[in-house]
C-alpha atoms as a PDB file:
ATOM      1  CA  VAL A   1      -9.074  13.736   3.729  1.00  0.00           C
ATOM      2  CA  GLN A   2     -12.833  13.416   3.757  1.00  0.00           C
ATOM      3  CA  GLY A   3     -13.315   9.667   4.113  1.00  0.00           C
ATOM      4  CA  ASN A   4     -10.688   6.950   4.209  1.00  0.00           C
ATOM      5  CA  LEU A   5      -6.962   6.962   3.482  1.00  0.00           C
ATOM      6  CA  THR A   6      -4.791   3.937   2.715  1.00  0.00           C
ATOM      7  CA  ILE A   7      -1.003   4.113   2.552  1.00  0.00           C
ATOM      8  CA  GLU A   8      -0.075   1.094   0.449  1.00  0.00           C
ATOM      9  CA  GLN A   9       2.963  -1.116   1.053  1.00  0.00           C
ATOM     10  CA  GLY A  10       6.034   0.563  -0.469  1.00  0.00           C
ATOM     11  CA  ALA A  11       4.503   4.057  -0.228  1.00  0.00           C
ATOM     12  CA  LYS A  12       5.808   6.754   2.128  1.00  0.00           C
ATOM     13  CA  LEU A  13       3.810   9.741   3.368  1.00  0.00           C
ATOM     14  CA  THR A  14       5.387  12.615   5.296  1.00  0.00           C
ATOM     15  CA  GLY A  15       3.027  14.987   7.095  1.00  0.00           C
ATOM     16  CA  ALA A  16       0.018  15.050   9.386  1.00  0.00           C
ATOM     17  CA  ILE A  17      -3.022  12.952   8.501  1.00  0.00           C
ATOM     18  CA  ARG A  18      -6.664  13.655   9.272  1.00  0.00           C
ATOM     19  CA  ALA A  19      -9.128  11.130   7.873  1.00  0.00           C
ATOM     20  CA  HIS A  20     -12.066   9.007   9.034  1.00  0.00           C
ATOM     21  CA  THR A  21     -10.225   5.683   8.642  1.00  0.00           C
ATOM     22  CA  VAL A  22      -6.462   5.362   8.113  1.00  0.00           C
ATOM     23  CA  ILE A  23      -4.921   2.071   6.973  1.00  0.00           C
ATOM     24  CA  VAL A  24      -1.124   1.962   7.070  1.00  0.00           C
ATOM     25  CA  ALA A  25       0.637  -0.750   5.062  1.00  0.00           C
ATOM     26  CA  GLY A  26       3.514   1.542   4.026  1.00  0.00           C
ATOM     27  CA  GLU A  27       5.386   4.197   5.981  1.00  0.00           C
ATOM     28  CA  VAL A  28       4.062   7.355   7.654  1.00  0.00           C
ATOM     29  CA  GLU A  29       6.267  10.068   9.156  1.00  0.00           C
ATOM     30  CA  GLY A  30       3.898  12.428  10.942  1.00  0.00           C
ATOM     31  CA  ASN A  31       0.965  12.428  13.294  1.00  0.00           C
ATOM     32  CA  ILE A  32      -2.393  10.782  12.687  1.00  0.00           C
ATOM     33  CA  GLU A  33      -4.950  13.099  14.269  1.00  0.00           C
ATOM     34  CA  ASP A  34      -8.626  12.628  15.138  1.00  0.00           C
ATOM     35  CA  ALA A  35      -9.212   9.447  13.126  1.00  0.00           C
ATOM     36  CA  THR A  36     -12.186   7.256  13.951  1.00  0.00           C
ATOM     37  CA  ARG A  37     -10.238   4.088  13.141  1.00  0.00           C
ATOM     38  CA  VAL A  38      -6.566   3.330  12.446  1.00  0.00           C
ATOM     39  CA  GLU A  39      -5.162   0.004  11.249  1.00  0.00           C
ATOM     40  CA  LEU A  40      -1.429  -0.695  11.289  1.00  0.00           C
ATOM     41  CA  LEU A  41      -0.955  -3.668   8.975  1.00  0.00           C
ATOM     42  CA  GLN A  42       1.948  -6.127   9.171  1.00  0.00           C
ATOM     43  CA  THR A  43       4.133  -4.035   6.829  1.00  0.00           C
ATOM     44  CA  GLY A  44       3.068  -0.679   8.333  1.00  0.00           C
ATOM     45  CA  VAL A  45       5.468   1.764   9.973  1.00  0.00           C
ATOM     46  CA  LEU A  46       4.322   4.881  11.859  1.00  0.00           C
ATOM     47  CA  THR A  47       6.787   7.433  13.192  1.00  0.00           C
ATOM     48  CA  GLY A  48       4.622   9.963  14.982  1.00  0.00           C
ATOM     49  CA  ASP A  49       1.785  10.305  17.433  1.00  0.00           C
ATOM     50  CA  LEU A  50      -1.620   8.753  16.979  1.00  0.00           C
ATOM     51  CA  LYS A  51      -5.042   9.823  18.214  1.00  0.00           C
ATOM     52  CA  ALA A  52      -7.969   7.643  17.188  1.00  0.00           C
ATOM     53  CA  GLY A  53     -11.256   6.202  18.324  1.00  0.00           C
ATOM     54  CA  SER A  54      -9.956   2.657  17.776  1.00  0.00           C
ATOM     55  CA  LEU A  55      -6.607   1.118  16.870  1.00  0.00           C
ATOM     56  CA  THR A  56      -5.833  -2.266  15.324  1.00  0.00           C
ATOM     57  CA  VAL A  57      -2.186  -3.369  15.297  1.00  0.00           C
ATOM     58  CA  ALA A  58      -0.959  -6.391  13.339  1.00  0.00           C
ATOM     59  CA  ALA A  59       2.038  -8.446  14.418  1.00  0.00           C
ATOM     60  CA  GLY A  60       5.124  -7.182  12.624  1.00  0.00           C
ATOM     61  CA  SER A  61       4.025  -3.551  12.345  1.00  0.00           C
ATOM     62  CA  ARG A  62       6.168  -0.830  13.938  1.00  0.00           C
ATOM     63  CA  MET A  63       5.365   2.451  15.657  1.00  0.00           C
ATOM     64  CA  ARG A  64       7.477   5.074  17.394  1.00  0.00           C
ATOM     65  CA  GLY A  65       5.419   7.736  19.156  1.00  0.00           C
ATOM     66  CA  GLN A  66       2.505   8.127  21.537  1.00  0.00           C
ATOM     67  CA  ALA A  67      -0.882   6.523  20.982  1.00  0.00           C
ATOM     68  CA  GLU A  68      -4.208   7.673  22.410  1.00  0.00           C
ATOM     69  CA  PHE A  69      -7.312   5.705  21.508  1.00  0.00           C
ATOM     70  CA  GLY A  70     -10.652   4.630  22.891  1.00  0.00           C
ATOM     71  CA  TRP A  71     -11.480   7.899  24.686  1.00  0.00           C
ATOM     72  CA  ASP A  72     -14.692   9.784  24.001  1.00  0.00           C
ATOM     73  CA  ASN A  73     -12.914  12.758  22.414  1.00  0.00           C
ATOM     74  CA  ALA A  74     -10.560  10.635  20.256  1.00  0.00           C
ATOM     75  CA  GLY A  75     -11.679  10.396  16.660  1.00  0.00           C
ATOM     76  CA  LYS A  76     -14.150  13.282  16.889  1.00  0.00           C
END
């Protein structure tokens, strides 16, 4: 996706995601790759690996996978 992607609460996306900013309020099964910013909201569920420039995680969200963020090559 060129730009931002939001997975709303109640929505489910299966597959890899590449976008500038990814906001997860629903459920994602797949990897989030090379995002500049990722937000896991309270209702968000991520099953997969994550690579981003920055990551914000709300209390109550869930993730199963590996996360890599904050490195110079993440999100580029």
